[in-house]
PDB file of N, CA and C in Angstrom:
ATOM      1  N   MET A   1       0.427  -1.056  -0.092  1.00  0.00           N
ATOM      2  CA  MET A   1       0.086  -0.022  -0.330  1.00  0.00           C
ATOM      3  C   MET A   1       1.208   1.052   0.016  1.00  0.00           C
ATOM      4  N   LEU A   2       0.670   1.995  -1.181  1.00  0.00           N
ATOM      5  CA  LEU A   2       1.384   3.363  -0.599  1.00  0.00           C
ATOM      6  C   LEU A   2       0.310   4.467  -0.587  1.00  0.00           C
ATOM      7  N   THR A   3       0.624   5.339   0.398  1.00  0.00           N
ATOM      8  CA  THR A   3       0.343   6.211   0.927  1.00  0.00           C
ATOM      9  C   THR A   3       0.840   7.431   1.087  1.00  0.00           C
ATOM     10  N   LEU A   4       0.154   8.449   0.454  1.00  0.00           N
ATOM     11  CA  LEU A   4       1.024   9.882   0.068  1.00  0.00           C
ATOM     12  C   LEU A   4       0.317  11.494   0.946  1.00  0.00           C
ATOM     13  N   GLN A   5       0.300  12.372   0.758  1.00  0.00           N
ATOM     14  CA  GLN A   5      -0.308  13.308   1.224  1.00  0.00           C
ATOM     15  C   GLN A   5      -0.424  14.268  -0.201  1.00  0.00           C
ATOM     16  N   ILE A   6      -1.304  14.799   0.145  1.00  0.00           N
ATOM     17  CA  ILE A   6      -1.397  16.105  -0.936  1.00  0.00           C
ATOM     18  C   ILE A   6      -2.653  16.402  -0.461  1.00  0.00           C
ATOM     19  N   GLY A   7      -2.845  17.416   0.901  1.00  0.00           N
ATOM     20  CA  GLY A   7      -3.898  17.702   1.539  1.00  0.00           C
ATOM     21  C   GLY A   7      -5.028  16.921   2.160  1.00  0.00           C
ATOM     22  N   GLU A   8      -5.081  15.799   1.643  1.00  0.00           N
ATOM     23  CA  GLU A   8      -5.831  14.739   2.611  1.00  0.00           C
ATOM     24  C   GLU A   8      -4.907  12.974   2.413  1.00  0.00           C
ATOM     25  N   LYS A   9      -5.344  12.307   2.799  1.00  0.00           N
ATOM     26  CA  LYS A   9      -4.646  11.166   2.777  1.00  0.00           C
ATOM     27  C   LYS A   9      -4.929  10.483   1.769  1.00  0.00           C
ATOM     28  N   ILE A  10      -4.438   9.934   0.925  1.00  0.00           N
ATOM     29  CA  ILE A  10      -4.394   9.453  -0.453  1.00  0.00           C
ATOM     30  C   ILE A  10      -4.021   8.316  -0.356  1.00  0.00           C
ATOM     31  N   SER A  11      -4.227   6.885  -0.727  1.00  0.00           N
ATOM     32  CA  SER A  11      -3.636   5.494  -0.565  1.00  0.00           C
ATOM     33  C   SER A  11      -4.266   5.064  -1.750  1.00  0.00           C
ATOM     34  N   MET A  12      -3.111   3.930  -2.558  1.00  0.00           N
ATOM     35  CA  MET A  12      -3.767   3.674  -4.039  1.00  0.00           C
ATOM     36  C   MET A  12      -2.471   2.397  -3.541  1.00  0.00           C
ATOM     37  N   ALA A  13      -2.863   1.139  -3.468  1.00  0.00           N
ATOM     38  CA  ALA A  13      -2.178  -0.329  -3.797  1.00  0.00           C
ATOM     39  C   ALA A  13      -2.284  -0.480  -5.084  1.00  0.00           C
ATOM     40  N   VAL A  14      -0.795  -0.923  -5.309  1.00  0.00           N
ATOM     41  CA  VAL A  14      -0.146  -0.682  -6.853  1.00  0.00           C
ATOM     42  C   VAL A  14       1.211  -1.127  -6.740  1.00  0.00           C
ATOM     43  N   LYS A  15       1.069  -2.785  -7.889  1.00  0.00           N
ATOM     44  CA  LYS A  15       2.265  -3.556  -7.955  1.00  0.00           C
ATOM     45  C   LYS A  15       3.047  -2.908  -9.240  1.00  0.00           C
ATOM     46  N   PHE A  16       3.334  -2.136  -9.243  1.00  0.00           N
ATOM     47  CA  PHE A  16       4.106  -1.444 -10.915  1.00  0.00           C
ATOM     48  C   PHE A  16       4.679  -2.764 -10.874  1.00  0.00           C
ATOM     49  N   ASN A  17       5.225  -3.144 -12.130  1.00  0.00           N
ATOM     50  CA  ASN A  17       6.210  -4.004 -13.134  1.00  0.00           C
ATOM     51  C   ASN A  17       7.334  -3.487 -13.833  1.00  0.00           C
ATOM     52  N   ILE A  18       8.111  -2.803 -12.315  1.00  0.00           N
ATOM     53  CA  ILE A  18       9.078  -1.827 -13.147  1.00  0.00           C
ATOM     54  C   ILE A  18      10.301  -2.537 -12.253  1.00  0.00           C
ATOM     55  N   LYS A  19      11.188  -2.495 -12.752  1.00  0.00           N
ATOM     56  CA  LYS A  19      12.557  -2.547 -12.108  1.00  0.00           C
ATOM     57  C   LYS A  19      13.064  -1.282 -12.114  1.00  0.00           C
ATOM     58  N   ASP A  20      13.438  -0.888 -10.520  1.00  0.00           N
ATOM     59  CA  ASP A  20      14.207   0.065 -10.331  1.00  0.00           C
ATOM     60  C   ASP A  20      15.491   0.013 -10.254  1.00  0.00           C
ATOM     61  N   THR A  21      16.223  -0.067 -11.110  1.00  0.00           N
ATOM     62  CA  THR A  21      17.903  -0.131 -10.930  1.00  0.00           C
ATOM     63  C   THR A  21      18.519   1.025 -11.106  1.00  0.00           C
ATOM     64  N   PHE A  22      17.964   1.723 -12.098  1.00  0.00           N
ATOM     65  CA  PHE A  22      18.634   3.032 -13.270  1.00  0.00           C
ATOM     66  C   PHE A  22      18.903   4.062 -11.892  1.00  0.00           C
ATOM     67  N   ASN A  23      18.189   4.612 -11.186  1.00  0.00           N
ATOM     68  CA  ASN A  23      19.201   5.426  -9.822  1.00  0.00           C
ATOM     69  C   ASN A  23      19.944   4.685  -8.615  1.00  0.00           C
ATOM     70  N   LYS A  24      19.660   3.558  -8.856  1.00  0.00           N
ATOM     71  CA  LYS A  24      20.436   2.941  -7.714  1.00  0.00           C
ATOM     72  C   LYS A  24      21.645   2.382  -8.366  1.00  0.00           C
ATOM     73  N   LYS A  25      22.006   2.231  -9.746  1.00  0.00           N
ATOM     74  CA  LYS A  25      23.144   1.761 -10.256  1.00  0.00           C
ATOM     75  C   LYS A  25      24.041   2.605 -10.715  1.00  0.00           C
ATOM     76  N   LEU A  26      23.718   3.815 -11.002  1.00  0.00           N
ATOM     77  CA  LEU A  26      24.489   4.842 -12.438  1.00  0.00           C
ATOM     78  C   LEU A  26      24.373   6.630 -11.470  1.00  0.00           C
ATOM     79  N   PRO A  27      25.797   6.882 -11.682  1.00  0.00           N
ATOM     80  CA  PRO A  27      25.823   8.264 -10.681  1.00  0.00           C
ATOM     81  C   PRO A  27      24.810   9.504 -10.692  1.00  0.00           C
ATOM     82  N   ALA A  28      24.572   9.672  -9.517  1.00  0.00           N
ATOM     83  CA  ALA A  28      23.325  10.894  -9.947  1.00  0.00           C
ATOM     84  C   ALA A  28      24.354  12.650  -9.325  1.00  0.00           C
ATOM     85  N   ASP A  29      23.404  13.165 -10.403  1.00  0.00           N
ATOM     86  CA  ASP A  29      24.218  14.206 -10.321  1.00  0.00           C
ATOM     87  C   ASP A  29      24.312  14.883  -8.679  1.00  0.00           C
ATOM     88  N   SER A  30      25.967  15.387  -8.887  1.00  0.00           N
ATOM     89  CA  SER A  30      26.067  16.223  -6.955  1.00  0.00           C
ATOM     90  C   SER A  30      25.453  17.283  -6.999  1.00  0.00           C
ATOM     91  N   ILE A  31      24.979  18.433  -7.638  1.00  0.00           N
ATOM     92  CA  ILE A  31      24.342  19.072  -7.286  1.00  0.00           C
ATOM     93  C   ILE A  31      22.707  19.433  -7.046  1.00  0.00           C
ATOM     94  N   LEU A  32      22.533  19.833  -6.068  1.00  0.00           N
ATOM     95  CA  LEU A  32      20.657  19.704  -6.094  1.00  0.00           C
ATOM     96  C   LEU A  32      19.837  20.584  -6.589  1.00  0.00           C
ATOM     97  N   GLU A  33      20.481  21.434  -7.274  1.00  0.00           N
ATOM     98  CA  GLU A  33      19.774  22.816  -7.887  1.00  0.00           C
ATOM     99  C   GLU A  33      19.016  22.674  -8.409  1.00  0.00           C
ATOM    100  N   ASN A  34      17.523  22.944  -8.929  1.00  0.00           N
ATOM    101  CA  ASN A  34      17.138  22.461  -9.749  1.00  0.00           C
ATOM    102  C   ASN A  34      16.618  23.892 -10.743  1.00  0.00           C
ATOM    103  N   SER A  35      18.123  24.077 -11.945  1.00  0.00           N
ATOM    104  CA  SER A  35      18.133  24.683 -12.956  1.00  0.00           C
ATOM    105  C   SER A  35      18.007  23.919 -13.776  1.00  0.00           C
ATOM    106  N   ARG A  36      18.615  24.674 -15.298  1.00  0.00           N
ATOM    107  CA  ARG A  36      19.467  24.347 -16.691  1.00  0.00           C
ATOM    108  C   ARG A  36      20.343  24.426 -16.565  1.00  0.00           C
ATOM    109  N   ARG A  37      21.243  23.728 -16.612  1.00  0.00           N
ATOM    110  CA  ARG A  37      22.170  23.487 -16.682  1.00  0.00           C
ATOM    111  C   ARG A  37      22.800  22.271 -17.522  1.00  0.00           C
ATOM    112  N   GLN A  38      24.305  22.374 -18.012  1.00  0.00           N
ATOM    113  CA  GLN A  38      24.921  21.011 -18.481  1.00  0.00           C
ATOM    114  C   GLN A  38      24.946  20.083 -17.047  1.00  0.00           C
ATOM    115  N   VAL A  39      24.857  18.991 -17.391  1.00  0.00           N
ATOM    116  CA  VAL A  39      24.548  17.979 -16.387  1.00  0.00           C
ATOM    117  C   VAL A  39      25.968  17.196 -16.706  1.00  0.00           C
ATOM    118  N   GLU A  40      27.602  17.599 -15.661  1.00  0.00           N
ATOM    119  CA  GLU A  40      28.723  16.616 -16.013  1.00  0.00           C
ATOM    120  C   GLU A  40      28.379  14.961 -14.763  1.00  0.00           C
ATOM    121  N   GLU A  41      29.104  14.256 -15.881  1.00  0.00           N
ATOM    122  CA  GLU A  41      29.894  12.922 -15.105  1.00  0.00           C
ATOM    123  C   GLU A  41      28.286  12.532 -14.317  1.00  0.00           C
ATOM    124  N   ALA A  42      27.114  12.578 -14.715  1.00  0.00           N
ATOM    125  CA  ALA A  42      26.211  12.214 -13.994  1.00  0.00           C
ATOM    126  C   ALA A  42      25.403  11.460 -14.991  1.00  0.00           C
ATOM    127  N   ARG A  43      24.542  10.787 -14.427  1.00  0.00           N
ATOM    128  CA  ARG A  43      22.647  10.126 -15.754  1.00  0.00           C
ATOM    129  C   ARG A  43      22.034  10.536 -15.095  1.00  0.00           C
ATOM    130  N   PHE A  44      21.560  11.559 -13.874  1.00  0.00           N
ATOM    131  CA  PHE A  44      20.304  11.737 -13.409  1.00  0.00           C
ATOM    132  C   PHE A  44      20.726  12.958 -12.308  1.00  0.00           C
ATOM    133  N   SER A  45      19.482  13.603 -12.175  1.00  0.00           N
ATOM    134  CA  SER A  45      19.393  14.788 -11.664  1.00  0.00           C
ATOM    135  C   SER A  45      18.245  14.757 -10.247  1.00  0.00           C
ATOM    136  N   TYR A  46      18.641  14.494  -9.358  1.00  0.00           N
ATOM    137  CA  TYR A  46      16.935  14.905  -8.317  1.00  0.00           C
ATOM    138  C   TYR A  46      16.149  15.700  -8.353  1.00  0.00           C
ATOM    139  N   VAL A  47      15.112  16.138  -8.341  1.00  0.00           N
ATOM    140  CA  VAL A  47      14.392  17.260  -8.462  1.00  0.00           C
ATOM    141  C   VAL A  47      13.470  17.618  -7.479  1.00  0.00           C
ATOM    142  N   ARG A  48      12.350  18.702  -7.397  1.00  0.00           N
ATOM    143  CA  ARG A  48      11.300  18.791  -6.801  1.00  0.00           C
ATOM    144  C   ARG A  48      10.656  19.091  -7.850  1.00  0.00           C
ATOM    145  N   ALA A  49       9.903  18.566  -7.864  1.00  0.00           N
ATOM    146  CA  ALA A  49       8.993  18.414  -9.346  1.00  0.00           C
ATOM    147  C   ALA A  49       7.451  19.555  -8.744  1.00  0.00           C
ATOM    148  N   LYS A  50       6.936  20.359  -9.724  1.00  0.00           N
ATOM    149  CA  LYS A  50       5.878  21.925  -9.697  1.00  0.00           C
ATOM    150  C   LYS A  50       4.528  20.810  -9.748  1.00  0.00           C
ATOM    151  N   THR A  51       3.448  21.111  -8.759  1.00  0.00           N
ATOM    152  CA  THR A  51       2.471  21.094  -8.471  1.00  0.00           C
ATOM    153  C   THR A  51       1.715  21.203  -9.983  1.00  0.00           C
ATOM    154  N   PRO A  52       0.985  20.887 -10.839  1.00  0.00           N
ATOM    155  CA  PRO A  52       0.149  21.331 -11.907  1.00  0.00           C
ATOM    156  C   PRO A  52      -1.279  21.405 -11.241  1.00  0.00           C
ATOM    157  N   ASN A  53      -1.782  22.091 -12.014  1.00  0.00           N
ATOM    158  CA  ASN A  53      -3.603  22.599 -11.484  1.00  0.00           C
ATOM    159  C   ASN A  53      -4.448  22.179 -12.524  1.00  0.00           C
ATOM    160  N   ASN A  54      -5.729  22.739 -11.954  1.00  0.00           N
ATOM    161  CA  ASN A  54      -6.492  21.470 -13.346  1.00  0.00           C
ATOM    162  C   ASN A  54      -6.191  20.481 -14.183  1.00  0.00           C
ATOM    163  N   LEU A  55      -6.034  19.335 -13.111  1.00  0.00           N
ATOM    164  CA  LEU A  55      -6.041  18.008 -13.657  1.00  0.00           C
ATOM    165  C   LEU A  55      -7.226  17.588 -14.327  1.00  0.00           C
ATOM    166  N   SER A  56      -6.999  16.630 -15.609  1.00  0.00           N
ATOM    167  CA  SER A  56      -8.153  16.153 -15.795  1.00  0.00           C
ATOM    168  C   SER A  56      -7.074  15.096 -16.426  1.00  0.00           C
ATOM    169  N   LEU A  57      -7.959  14.078 -16.936  1.00  0.00           N
ATOM    170  CA  LEU A  57      -7.542  12.687 -17.328  1.00  0.00           C
ATOM    171  C   LEU A  57      -7.764  12.987 -18.885  1.00  0.00           C
ATOM    172  N   LEU A  58      -7.280  12.437 -20.177  1.00  0.00           N
ATOM    173  CA  LEU A  58      -7.571  12.703 -21.006  1.00  0.00           C
ATOM    174  C   LEU A  58      -8.236  11.158 -21.762  1.00  0.00           C
ATOM    175  N   ARG A  59      -7.141  10.180 -21.499  1.00  0.00           N
ATOM    176  CA  ARG A  59      -7.478   8.688 -22.115  1.00  0.00           C
ATOM    177  C   ARG A  59      -6.547   7.442 -21.311  1.00  0.00           C
ATOM    178  N   THR A  60      -6.405   6.209 -21.172  1.00  0.00           N
ATOM    179  CA  THR A  60      -6.075   5.511 -20.545  1.00  0.00           C
ATOM    180  C   THR A  60      -6.021   3.906 -21.526  1.00  0.00           C
ATOM    181  N   LEU A  61      -4.707   3.994 -21.747  1.00  0.00           N
ATOM    182  CA  LEU A  61      -4.874   2.761 -22.504  1.00  0.00           C
ATOM    183  C   LEU A  61      -4.872   1.106 -21.216  1.00  0.00           C
ATOM    184  N   PRO A  62      -5.807   0.475 -21.610  1.00  0.00           N
ATOM    185  CA  PRO A  62      -6.273  -0.965 -20.574  1.00  0.00           C
ATOM    186  C   PRO A  62      -4.461  -1.851 -20.578  1.00  0.00           C
ATOM    187  N   LYS A  63      -4.120  -1.926 -22.374  1.00  0.00           N
ATOM    188  CA  LYS A  63      -3.077  -2.853 -22.389  1.00  0.00           C
ATOM    189  C   LYS A  63      -1.940  -1.974 -21.080  1.00  0.00           C
ATOM    190  N   MET A  64      -1.186  -0.715 -21.374  1.00  0.00           N
ATOM    191  CA  MET A  64      -0.462  -0.258 -20.987  1.00  0.00           C
ATOM    192  C   MET A  64      -0.807  -0.553 -19.485  1.00  0.00           C
ATOM    193  N   LEU A  65      -1.937  -0.379 -18.870  1.00  0.00           N
ATOM    194  CA  LEU A  65      -2.059  -0.304 -17.343  1.00  0.00           C
ATOM    195  C   LEU A  65      -1.685  -1.858 -16.867  1.00  0.00           C
ATOM    196  N   ALA A  66      -2.363  -2.994 -18.052  1.00  0.00           N
ATOM    197  CA  ALA A  66      -2.006  -3.968 -17.480  1.00  0.00           C
ATOM    198  C   ALA A  66      -0.684  -4.483 -17.553  1.00  0.00           C
ATOM    199  N   HIS A  67       0.032  -3.817 -18.206  1.00  0.00           N
ATOM    200  CA  HIS A  67       1.581  -3.943 -18.417  1.00  0.00           C
ATOM    201  C   HIS A  67       2.627  -3.930 -17.256  1.00  0.00           C
ATOM    202  N   VAL A  68       2.002  -2.581 -15.959  1.00  0.00           N
ATOM    203  CA  VAL A  68       2.356  -2.070 -15.354  1.00  0.00           C
ATOM    204  C   VAL A  68       2.156  -2.433 -13.967  1.00  0.00           C
ATOM    205  N   GLY A  69       0.713  -3.552 -14.520  1.00  0.00           N
ATOM    206  CA  GLY A  69       0.338  -3.933 -13.056  1.00  0.00           C
ATOM    207  C   GLY A  69      -0.733  -3.117 -12.772  1.00  0.00           C
ATOM    208  N   LEU A  70      -0.981  -3.127 -13.328  1.00  0.00           N
ATOM    209  CA  LEU A  70      -2.636  -2.106 -12.468  1.00  0.00           C
ATOM    210  C   LEU A  70      -3.886  -2.251 -13.676  1.00  0.00           C
ATOM    211  N   LEU A  71      -5.042  -3.000 -13.166  1.00  0.00           N
ATOM    212  CA  LEU A  71      -6.486  -2.458 -12.969  1.00  0.00           C
ATOM    213  C   LEU A  71      -6.785  -1.424 -14.082  1.00  0.00           C
ATOM    214  N   GLU A  72      -7.818  -1.923 -14.990  1.00  0.00           N
ATOM    215  CA  GLU A  72      -8.495  -0.958 -15.855  1.00  0.00           C
ATOM    216  C   GLU A  72      -9.236  -0.166 -15.292  1.00  0.00           C
ATOM    217  N   GLU A  73      -9.565  -0.269 -13.809  1.00  0.00           N
ATOM    218  CA  GLU A  73     -10.860  -0.110 -12.945  1.00  0.00           C
ATOM    219  C   GLU A  73      -9.701   1.646 -11.842  1.00  0.00           C
ATOM    220  N   ASP A  74      -8.029   0.955 -11.789  1.00  0.00           N
ATOM    221  CA  ASP A  74      -7.473   1.515 -11.237  1.00  0.00           C
ATOM    222  C   ASP A  74      -7.253   3.119 -11.813  1.00  0.00           C
ATOM    223  N   GLY A  75      -6.586   2.703 -13.418  1.00  0.00           N
ATOM    224  CA  GLY A  75      -6.750   4.036 -14.590  1.00  0.00           C
ATOM    225  C   GLY A  75      -8.004   5.071 -14.248  1.00  0.00           C
ATOM    226  N   LYS A  76      -9.111   4.875 -13.446  1.00  0.00           N
ATOM    227  CA  LYS A  76     -10.351   5.643 -13.701  1.00  0.00           C
ATOM    228  C   LYS A  76     -10.111   6.468 -12.721  1.00  0.00           C
ATOM    229  N   THR A  77      -9.036   6.430 -11.363  1.00  0.00           N
ATOM    230  CA  THR A  77      -9.125   7.053  -9.994  1.00  0.00           C
ATOM    231  C   THR A  77      -8.813   8.070  -9.879  1.00  0.00           C
ATOM    232  N   LYS A  78      -8.758   8.912  -9.080  1.00  0.00           N
ATOM    233  CA  LYS A  78      -8.098   9.993  -8.694  1.00  0.00           C
ATOM    234  C   LYS A  78      -6.621  10.436  -8.103  1.00  0.00           C
ATOM    235  N   ASN A  79      -6.487   8.760  -7.369  1.00  0.00           N
ATOM    236  CA  ASN A  79      -5.285   8.865  -6.894  1.00  0.00           C
ATOM    237  C   ASN A  79      -4.669   8.137  -8.463  1.00  0.00           C
ATOM    238  N   PHE A  80      -5.191   7.505  -9.112  1.00  0.00           N
ATOM    239  CA  PHE A  80      -3.665   7.181 -10.409  1.00  0.00           C
ATOM    240  C   PHE A  80      -3.464   8.842 -10.893  1.00  0.00           C
ATOM    241  N   LEU A  81      -4.756   9.843 -11.564  1.00  0.00           N
ATOM    242  CA  LEU A  81      -4.610  11.133 -11.995  1.00  0.00           C
ATOM    243  C   LEU A  81      -3.705  11.830 -10.895  1.00  0.00           C
ATOM    244  N   HIS A  82      -3.489  11.990  -9.533  1.00  0.00           N
ATOM    245  CA  HIS A  82      -2.833  12.613  -8.954  1.00  0.00           C
ATOM    246  C   HIS A  82      -0.886  11.939  -8.719  1.00  0.00           C
ATOM    247  N   VAL A  83      -0.846  10.476  -8.735  1.00  0.00           N
ATOM    248  CA  VAL A  83      -0.025  10.384  -9.292  1.00  0.00           C
ATOM    249  C   VAL A  83       0.694  10.053  -9.912  1.00  0.00           C
ATOM    250  N   LEU A  84      -0.242   9.674 -11.305  1.00  0.00           N
ATOM    251  CA  LEU A  84       0.296  10.227 -13.108  1.00  0.00           C
ATOM    252  C   LEU A  84       1.266  11.759 -13.161  1.00  0.00           C
ATOM    253  N   SER A  85       0.490  12.572 -12.716  1.00  0.00           N
ATOM    254  CA  SER A  85       0.206  14.011 -12.843  1.00  0.00           C
ATOM    255  C   SER A  85       1.592  14.814 -12.400  1.00  0.00           C
ATOM    256  N   GLY A  86       1.832  13.812 -11.049  1.00  0.00           N
ATOM    257  CA  GLY A  86       3.047  14.735 -10.454  1.00  0.00           C
ATOM    258  C   GLY A  86       1.824  15.323  -9.383  1.00  0.00           C
ATOM    259  N   ALA A  87       0.826  15.628  -9.141  1.00  0.00           N
ATOM    260  CA  ALA A  87       0.135  16.132  -8.331  1.00  0.00           C
ATOM    261  C   ALA A  87       0.679  15.549  -6.969  1.00  0.00           C
ATOM    262  N   VAL A  88       0.730  14.438  -6.774  1.00  0.00           N
ATOM    263  CA  VAL A  88       1.460  14.039  -5.452  1.00  0.00           C
ATOM    264  C   VAL A  88       2.807  13.157  -6.265  1.00  0.00           C
ATOM    265  N   VAL A  89       3.913  13.611  -5.347  1.00  0.00           N
ATOM    266  CA  VAL A  89       5.310  13.125  -5.781  1.00  0.00           C
ATOM    267  C   VAL A  89       5.504  11.866  -4.954  1.00  0.00           C
ATOM    268  N   LEU A  90       5.837  11.107  -5.826  1.00  0.00           N
ATOM    269  CA  LEU A  90       6.821   9.921  -5.303  1.00  0.00           C
ATOM    270  C   LEU A  90       7.945  10.169  -4.200  1.00  0.00           C
ATOM    271  N   PRO A  91       8.692   9.118  -3.996  1.00  0.00           N
ATOM    272  CA  PRO A  91       9.839   9.636  -3.323  1.00  0.00           C
ATOM    273  C   PRO A  91      10.883   9.564  -3.604  1.00  0.00           C
ATOM    274  N   ASN A  92      11.332  10.454  -4.206  1.00  0.00           N
ATOM    275  CA  ASN A  92      13.024  10.554  -4.614  1.00  0.00           C
ATOM    276  C   ASN A  92      12.705  10.604  -6.142  1.00  0.00           C
ATOM    277  N   PRO A  93      12.225  11.729  -6.945  1.00  0.00           N
ATOM    278  CA  PRO A  93      11.908  11.901  -7.986  1.00  0.00           C
ATOM    279  C   PRO A  93      13.215  12.404  -8.733  1.00  0.00           C
ATOM    280  N   TYR A  94      14.017  12.062  -9.984  1.00  0.00           N
ATOM    281  CA  TYR A  94      14.538  12.685 -10.561  1.00  0.00           C
ATOM    282  C   TYR A  94      14.518  12.731 -11.959  1.00  0.00           C
ATOM    283  N   ALA A  95      15.386  13.458 -12.955  1.00  0.00           N
ATOM    284  CA  ALA A  95      15.472  13.692 -14.709  1.00  0.00           C
ATOM    285  C   ALA A  95      16.575  13.150 -15.641  1.00  0.00           C
ATOM    286  N   MET A  96      16.116  12.035 -15.825  1.00  0.00           N
ATOM    287  CA  MET A  96      17.450  11.345 -17.013  1.00  0.00           C
ATOM    288  C   MET A  96      18.243  12.418 -18.122  1.00  0.00           C
ATOM    289  N   CYS A  97      19.420  12.647 -17.441  1.00  0.00           N
ATOM    290  CA  CYS A  97      20.079  12.566 -18.710  1.00  0.00           C
ATOM    291  C   CYS A  97      19.530  11.994 -19.372  1.00  0.00           C
ATOM    292  N   TYR A  98      19.799  12.388 -21.090  1.00  0.00           N
ATOM    293  CA  TYR A  98      20.111  11.931 -22.796  1.00  0.00           C
ATOM    294  C   TYR A  98      20.683  12.575 -23.555  1.00  0.00           C
ATOM    295  N   ALA A  99      20.648  11.949 -24.146  1.00  0.00           N
ATOM    296  CA  ALA A  99      21.553  12.994 -25.777  1.00  0.00           C
ATOM    297  C   ALA A  99      20.236  12.108 -26.664  1.00  0.00           C
ATOM    298  N   GLY A 100      20.421  12.777 -28.284  1.00  0.00           N
ATOM    299  CA  GLY A 100      20.449  12.320 -28.971  1.00  0.00           C
ATOM    300  C   GLY A 100      19.629  13.344 -30.915  1.00  0.00           C
ATOM    301  N   HIS A 101      19.582  13.229 -31.282  1.00  0.00           N
ATOM    302  CA  HIS A 101      18.923  13.575 -31.787  1.00  0.00           C
ATOM    303  C   HIS A 101      18.149  15.027 -32.020  1.00  0.00           C
ATOM    304  N   GLN A 102      18.032  16.100 -32.402  1.00  0.00           N
ATOM    305  CA  GLN A 102      16.558  16.925 -32.310  1.00  0.00           C
ATOM    306  C   GLN A 102      16.421  17.817 -32.965  1.00  0.00           C
ATOM    307  N   PHE A 103      15.812  17.964 -34.278  1.00  0.00           N
ATOM    308  CA  PHE A 103      15.436  18.830 -34.886  1.00  0.00           C
ATOM    309  C   PHE A 103      16.985  19.413 -36.091  1.00  0.00           C
ATOM    310  N   GLY A 104      17.145  17.563 -36.002  1.00  0.00           N
ATOM    311  CA  GLY A 104      17.935  16.799 -37.498  1.00  0.00           C
ATOM    312  C   GLY A 104      19.614  17.474 -36.790  1.00  0.00           C
ATOM    313  N   ASN A 105      19.931  17.497 -35.055  1.00  0.00           N
ATOM    314  CA  ASN A 105      20.933  18.293 -35.280  1.00  0.00           C
ATOM    315  C   ASN A 105      21.159  17.738 -33.779  1.00  0.00           C
ATOM    316  N   TRP A 106      22.734  16.826 -33.729  1.00  0.00           N
ATOM    317  CA  TRP A 106      23.263  16.207 -32.455  1.00  0.00           C
ATOM    318  C   TRP A 106      22.650  17.580 -31.378  1.00  0.00           C
ATOM    319  N   VAL A 107      22.132  16.653 -30.086  1.00  0.00           N
ATOM    320  CA  VAL A 107      22.030  17.755 -28.970  1.00  0.00           C
ATOM    321  C   VAL A 107      23.186  17.057 -28.179  1.00  0.00           C
ATOM    322  N   GLY A 108      23.826  17.094 -27.327  1.00  0.00           N
ATOM    323  CA  GLY A 108      24.444  16.240 -26.378  1.00  0.00           C
ATOM    324  C   GLY A 108      23.644  15.899 -25.226  1.00  0.00           C
ATOM    325  N   GLN A 109      23.296  16.727 -24.631  1.00  0.00           N
ATOM    326  CA  GLN A 109      21.699  16.685 -23.407  1.00  0.00           C
ATOM    327  C   GLN A 109      20.422  17.392 -23.564  1.00  0.00           C
ATOM    328  N   LEU A 110      19.663  15.975 -23.651  1.00  0.00           N
ATOM    329  CA  LEU A 110      18.078  17.189 -23.669  1.00  0.00           C
ATOM    330  C   LEU A 110      17.534  16.558 -22.653  1.00  0.00           C
ATOM    331  N   GLY A 111      17.815  15.993 -21.593  1.00  0.00           N
ATOM    332  CA  GLY A 111      17.176  15.452 -20.587  1.00  0.00           C
ATOM    333  C   GLY A 111      17.562  16.804 -19.025  1.00  0.00           C
TER     334      GLY A 111
END
């Protein structure tokens, strides 16, 4: 049972089918400041997420819900909306560093 705070107590039983190894095995950014900058010698940065306003859910895909261990009914709950929108932040949120082509040019850091 995952219990998180957002003005009131929100709980959601979740069994996500996700392996949590990325942020445990790769180096984290040593700078905790949340700003736009080039990140050196790290694969992710811990972040303080901003809470979104006026939440609404447009659509869920039953096949994707099942892939992460959720039922179709789970995707229709306020708890689901709050967690997936970022209104409730799970412990230790992070942003990944990655590189690739964007608009036809190589970009050394996109995340």
